[in-house]
């Protein structure tokens, strides 16, 4: 079995951290589930400093969700907590 690349581990870890954060904060109730899921993935990609936060494959899978302004707003809301939480590739297990 091939080892999992570090970036994939970082993305997985960051998605878990952001998901746990979102589930604990009442202010995220205003977003629908698909917006939250897409925003968590986008925020994780941003924290990992990937070149594209929302590549063409994700656009196709999400039904071009990126064009909806609420997605970026939600992603910014999630990343606003970034300084307060432990979220990076160095914290992967």
Protein backbone atom coordinates (compact mmCIF):
# COMPACT_ATOMS: atom_id res chain seq x y z
CA UNK A 1 0.00 0.00 0.00
CA UNK A 2 1.32 3.44 -0.98
CA UNK A 3 1.73 6.06 1.73
CA UNK A 4 -0.84 8.87 1.77
CA UNK A 5 0.71 12.19 0.65
CA UNK A 6 1.14 14.75 3.40
CA UNK A 7 -1.21 17.23 1.71
CA UNK A 8 -4.03 14.67 1.76
CA UNK A 9 -3.40 14.08 5.46
CA UNK A 10 -3.42 17.83 6.09
CA UNK A 11 -6.67 18.29 4.16
CA UNK A 12 -8.34 15.43 6.01
CA UNK A 13 -7.21 16.71 9.38
CA UNK A 14 -8.26 20.31 8.65
CA UNK A 15 -11.67 19.18 7.38
CA UNK A 16 -12.21 17.27 10.62
CA UNK A 17 -11.17 20.27 12.72
CA UNK A 18 -13.43 22.65 10.79
CA UNK A 19 -16.34 20.20 10.89
CA UNK A 20 -16.04 19.93 14.67
CA UNK A 21 -15.87 23.71 14.94
CA UNK A 22 -18.96 24.23 12.79
CA UNK A 23 -20.95 21.69 14.80
CA UNK A 24 -20.22 23.61 18.03
CA UNK A 25 -21.06 27.13 16.83
CA UNK A 26 -24.70 28.16 16.57
CA UNK A 27 -23.96 30.92 14.05
CA UNK A 28 -23.38 28.30 11.34
CA UNK A 29 -27.03 27.20 11.52
CA UNK A 30 -27.89 29.90 8.97
CA UNK A 31 -26.05 27.98 6.22
CA UNK A 32 -27.43 24.95 4.41
CA UNK A 33 -25.59 21.63 4.69
CA UNK A 34 -24.10 21.68 1.17
CA UNK A 35 -22.78 25.22 1.65
CA UNK A 36 -21.14 24.19 4.93
CA UNK A 37 -19.58 21.09 3.40
CA UNK A 38 -18.21 23.00 0.40
CA UNK A 39 -16.95 25.83 2.63
CA UNK A 40 -15.16 23.40 4.95
CA UNK A 41 -13.37 21.83 1.99
CA UNK A 42 -12.51 25.25 0.56
CA UNK A 43 -11.24 26.51 3.95
CA UNK A 44 -9.10 23.39 4.36
CA UNK A 45 -7.59 23.86 0.91
CA UNK A 46 -6.88 27.52 1.74
CA UNK A 47 -5.15 26.64 5.01
CA UNK A 48 -3.02 24.05 3.17
CA UNK A 49 -2.08 26.83 0.72
CA UNK A 50 -3.18 24.90 -2.33
CA UNK A 51 -3.10 26.93 -5.52
CA UNK A 52 -6.78 26.48 -6.28
CA UNK A 53 -9.28 26.64 -3.42
CA UNK A 54 -12.04 25.26 -5.64
CA UNK A 55 -10.68 23.42 -8.71
CA UNK A 56 -12.76 22.43 -11.73
CA UNK A 57 -13.42 18.94 -10.36
CA UNK A 58 -15.11 20.41 -7.28
CA UNK A 59 -17.05 22.88 -9.41
CA UNK A 60 -18.43 19.97 -11.43
CA UNK A 61 -19.26 17.90 -8.33
CA UNK A 62 -20.97 20.77 -6.48
CA UNK A 63 -23.03 22.07 -9.37
CA UNK A 64 -20.97 25.24 -9.80
CA UNK A 65 -21.61 26.18 -6.18
CA UNK A 66 -18.70 28.63 -6.19
CA UNK A 67 -20.77 31.17 -8.10
CA UNK A 68 -23.03 31.54 -5.06
CA UNK A 69 -21.72 34.38 -2.88
CA UNK A 70 -22.76 32.58 0.29
CA UNK A 71 -20.04 29.95 -0.21
CA UNK A 72 -17.15 32.39 0.05
CA UNK A 73 -18.86 34.21 2.91
CA UNK A 74 -19.22 30.94 4.81
CA UNK A 75 -15.61 29.96 4.06
CA UNK A 76 -14.38 33.30 5.43
CA UNK A 77 -16.57 32.79 8.50
CA UNK A 78 -14.97 29.38 9.11
CA UNK A 79 -11.41 30.63 8.57
CA UNK A 80 -12.02 33.56 10.92
CA UNK A 81 -11.65 31.00 13.70
CA UNK A 82 -8.33 29.73 12.28
CA UNK A 83 -6.14 31.67 14.73
CA UNK A 84 -8.13 30.30 17.66
CA UNK A 85 -7.85 26.63 16.71
CA UNK A 86 -5.08 24.16 16.11
CA UNK A 87 -5.31 23.45 12.41
CA UNK A 88 -2.33 22.61 10.26
CA UNK A 89 -0.39 19.80 8.72
CA UNK A 90 1.97 19.63 11.69
CA UNK A 91 -0.91 18.52 13.88
CA UNK A 92 -1.85 15.50 11.79
CA UNK A 93 -1.75 12.16 13.49
